[in-house]
């Protein structure tokens, strides 16, 4: 697992190729990341199912209650198949853009 911090955003990337292990690590170490916006980089995985992505839903809900952004990045995916409560985008650049927009919305009180 590789963790990069840029300003108020942390990007967590799996380096092992074991999705279940990665999800468990992120969940167990969540307290370390809870004060920052989070980007979960799943670009390593080419054939992720919607059910796999949905496993991040409890973490996403918890994170958004703390008024922080939680964005999942994966390519080659049916983005319409995920629940609206999850933010899933195809690139890291788009993830950063979403976080920036959500930060502005929070500052304006939306």
C-alpha atoms as a PDB file:
ATOM      1  CA  UNK A   1       0.000   0.000   0.000  1.00  0.00           C
ATOM      2  CA  UNK A   2       1.385   3.364  -1.029  1.00  0.00           C
ATOM      3  CA  UNK A   3       0.169   6.525   0.707  1.00  0.00           C
ATOM      4  CA  UNK A   4       0.792   9.977  -0.784  1.00  0.00           C
ATOM      5  CA  UNK A   5      -0.286  13.193   0.867  1.00  0.00           C
ATOM      6  CA  UNK A   6      -0.750  16.351  -1.150  1.00  0.00           C
ATOM      7  CA  UNK A   7      -2.125  19.244   0.882  1.00  0.00           C
ATOM      8  CA  UNK A   8      -5.389  18.175   2.527  1.00  0.00           C
ATOM      9  CA  UNK A   9      -5.764  15.063   0.346  1.00  0.00           C
ATOM     10  CA  UNK A  10      -4.349  11.572   0.799  1.00  0.00           C
ATOM     11  CA  UNK A  11      -4.112   9.117  -2.105  1.00  0.00           C
ATOM     12  CA  UNK A  12      -3.989   5.451  -1.140  1.00  0.00           C
ATOM     13  CA  UNK A  13      -2.798   3.046  -3.831  1.00  0.00           C
ATOM     14  CA  UNK A  14      -2.630  -0.732  -3.677  1.00  0.00           C
ATOM     15  CA  UNK A  15       0.767  -2.105  -4.647  1.00  0.00           C
ATOM     16  CA  UNK A  16       0.161  -5.789  -3.842  1.00  0.00           C
ATOM     17  CA  UNK A  17      -2.653  -6.681  -6.240  1.00  0.00           C
ATOM     18  CA  UNK A  18      -4.765  -8.284  -3.504  1.00  0.00           C
ATOM     19  CA  UNK A  19      -8.063  -6.384  -3.330  1.00  0.00           C
ATOM     20  CA  UNK A  20      -9.382  -8.015  -0.134  1.00  0.00           C
ATOM     21  CA  UNK A  21      -6.126  -7.407   1.723  1.00  0.00           C
ATOM     22  CA  UNK A  22      -6.031  -3.794   0.496  1.00  0.00           C
ATOM     23  CA  UNK A  23      -9.605  -3.138   1.661  1.00  0.00           C
ATOM     24  CA  UNK A  24      -8.782  -4.574   5.095  1.00  0.00           C
ATOM     25  CA  UNK A  25      -5.624  -2.432   5.415  1.00  0.00           C
ATOM     26  CA  UNK A  26      -7.490   0.745   4.486  1.00  0.00           C
ATOM     27  CA  UNK A  27     -10.298  -0.093   6.912  1.00  0.00           C
ATOM     28  CA  UNK A  28      -7.916  -0.927   9.790  1.00  0.00           C
ATOM     29  CA  UNK A  29      -5.795   2.187   9.248  1.00  0.00           C
ATOM     30  CA  UNK A  30      -8.772   4.473   8.662  1.00  0.00           C
ATOM     31  CA  UNK A  31      -8.222   6.515  11.853  1.00  0.00           C
ATOM     32  CA  UNK A  32      -4.900   7.663  10.354  1.00  0.00           C
ATOM     33  CA  UNK A  33      -6.662   9.113   7.300  1.00  0.00           C
ATOM     34  CA  UNK A  34      -9.992  10.333   8.690  1.00  0.00           C
ATOM     35  CA  UNK A  35      -9.016  14.033   8.902  1.00  0.00           C
ATOM     36  CA  UNK A  36      -8.118  14.238   5.193  1.00  0.00           C
ATOM     37  CA  UNK A  37      -9.896  13.918   1.875  1.00  0.00           C
ATOM     38  CA  UNK A  38      -9.274  10.417   0.524  1.00  0.00           C
ATOM     39  CA  UNK A  39      -8.614   9.088  -2.949  1.00  0.00           C
ATOM     40  CA  UNK A  40      -8.631   5.301  -3.240  1.00  0.00           C
ATOM     41  CA  UNK A  41      -6.564   4.420  -6.320  1.00  0.00           C
ATOM     42  CA  UNK A  42      -7.763   1.112  -7.778  1.00  0.00           C
ATOM     43  CA  UNK A  43      -6.262   1.607 -11.260  1.00  0.00           C
ATOM     44  CA  UNK A  44      -4.174  -1.532 -10.706  1.00  0.00           C
ATOM     45  CA  UNK A  45      -7.330  -3.651 -11.030  1.00  0.00           C
ATOM     46  CA  UNK A  46      -8.713  -4.088 -14.537  1.00  0.00           C
ATOM     47  CA  UNK A  47     -11.808  -6.234 -13.882  1.00  0.00           C
ATOM     48  CA  UNK A  48     -13.406  -4.902 -10.711  1.00  0.00           C
ATOM     49  CA  UNK A  49     -17.034  -5.778 -10.138  1.00  0.00           C
ATOM     50  CA  UNK A  50     -19.637  -3.351  -8.860  1.00  0.00           C
ATOM     51  CA  UNK A  51     -19.931  -5.511  -5.747  1.00  0.00           C
ATOM     52  CA  UNK A  52     -16.208  -5.058  -5.056  1.00  0.00           C
ATOM     53  CA  UNK A  53     -16.526  -1.288  -5.305  1.00  0.00           C
ATOM     54  CA  UNK A  54     -19.589  -1.363  -3.039  1.00  0.00           C
ATOM     55  CA  UNK A  55     -17.416  -2.844  -0.272  1.00  0.00           C
ATOM     56  CA  UNK A  56     -16.060   0.691   0.213  1.00  0.00           C
ATOM     57  CA  UNK A  57     -19.563   2.073   0.891  1.00  0.00           C
ATOM     58  CA  UNK A  58     -19.442   1.893   4.738  1.00  0.00           C
ATOM     59  CA  UNK A  59     -16.064   3.645   4.757  1.00  0.00           C
ATOM     60  CA  UNK A  60     -17.312   6.270   2.313  1.00  0.00           C
ATOM     61  CA  UNK A  61     -20.406   7.000   4.419  1.00  0.00           C
ATOM     62  CA  UNK A  62     -18.331   7.304   7.588  1.00  0.00           C
ATOM     63  CA  UNK A  63     -15.836   9.593   5.872  1.00  0.00           C
ATOM     64  CA  UNK A  64     -18.462  11.880   4.383  1.00  0.00           C
ATOM     65  CA  UNK A  65     -20.114  12.268   7.815  1.00  0.00           C
ATOM     66  CA  UNK A  66     -16.839  13.880   8.855  1.00  0.00           C
ATOM     67  CA  UNK A  67     -17.319  16.379   6.002  1.00  0.00           C
ATOM     68  CA  UNK A  68     -14.422  15.064   3.962  1.00  0.00           C
ATOM     69  CA  UNK A  69     -14.372  13.745   0.398  1.00  0.00           C
ATOM     70  CA  UNK A  70     -13.991  10.053  -0.466  1.00  0.00           C
ATOM     71  CA  UNK A  71     -13.294   9.284  -4.137  1.00  0.00           C
ATOM     72  CA  UNK A  72     -12.536   5.926  -5.761  1.00  0.00           C
ATOM     73  CA  UNK A  73     -10.494   5.860  -8.979  1.00  0.00           C
ATOM     74  CA  UNK A  74     -10.860   2.928 -11.363  1.00  0.00           C
ATOM     75  CA  UNK A  75     -10.852   2.602 -15.139  1.00  0.00           C
ATOM     76  CA  UNK A  76     -12.895   0.363 -17.466  1.00  0.00           C
ATOM     77  CA  UNK A  77     -15.921   0.407 -15.200  1.00  0.00           C
ATOM     78  CA  UNK A  78     -19.681   1.023 -15.519  1.00  0.00           C
ATOM     79  CA  UNK A  79     -19.897   4.201 -13.450  1.00  0.00           C
ATOM     80  CA  UNK A  80     -23.711   4.214 -13.648  1.00  0.00           C
ATOM     81  CA  UNK A  81     -23.869   0.877 -11.796  1.00  0.00           C
ATOM     82  CA  UNK A  82     -22.562   2.218  -8.474  1.00  0.00           C
ATOM     83  CA  UNK A  83     -24.809   3.806  -5.843  1.00  0.00           C
ATOM     84  CA  UNK A  84     -24.996   7.599  -5.860  1.00  0.00           C
ATOM     85  CA  UNK A  85     -23.457   7.619  -2.381  1.00  0.00           C
ATOM     86  CA  UNK A  86     -20.147   6.463  -3.837  1.00  0.00           C
ATOM     87  CA  UNK A  87     -18.011   8.758  -5.956  1.00  0.00           C
ATOM     88  CA  UNK A  88     -16.168   6.730  -8.617  1.00  0.00           C
ATOM     89  CA  UNK A  89     -14.126   8.390 -11.369  1.00  0.00           C
ATOM     90  CA  UNK A  90     -11.781   7.184 -14.148  1.00  0.00           C
ATOM     91  CA  UNK A  91      -8.666   9.272 -13.375  1.00  0.00           C
ATOM     92  CA  UNK A  92      -6.664  10.761 -10.526  1.00  0.00           C
ATOM     93  CA  UNK A  93      -6.981  14.220 -12.075  1.00  0.00           C
ATOM     94  CA  UNK A  94     -10.764  13.941 -12.012  1.00  0.00           C
ATOM     95  CA  UNK A  95     -10.620  12.758  -8.395  1.00  0.00           C
ATOM     96  CA  UNK A  96      -8.650  15.858  -7.407  1.00  0.00           C
ATOM     97  CA  UNK A  97     -11.119  18.057  -9.334  1.00  0.00           C
ATOM     98  CA  UNK A  98     -14.098  16.491  -7.513  1.00  0.00           C
ATOM     99  CA  UNK A  99     -12.439  17.033  -4.140  1.00  0.00           C
ATOM    100  CA  UNK A 100     -11.721  20.654  -5.022  1.00  0.00           C
ATOM    101  CA  UNK A 101     -15.377  21.207  -5.997  1.00  0.00           C
ATOM    102  CA  UNK A 102     -16.640  19.504  -2.825  1.00  0.00           C
ATOM    103  CA  UNK A 103     -14.301  21.654  -0.710  1.00  0.00           C
ATOM    104  CA  UNK A 104     -15.744  24.795  -2.315  1.00  0.00           C
ATOM    105  CA  UNK A 105     -19.299  23.534  -1.736  1.00  0.00           C
ATOM    106  CA  UNK A 106     -18.534  22.898   1.952  1.00  0.00           C
ATOM    107  CA  UNK A 107     -17.006  26.376   2.320  1.00  0.00           C
ATOM    108  CA  UNK A 108     -20.158  27.902   0.794  1.00  0.00           C
ATOM    109  CA  UNK A 109     -22.376  25.809   3.059  1.00  0.00           C
ATOM    110  CA  UNK A 110     -24.048  23.558   0.476  1.00  0.00           C
END
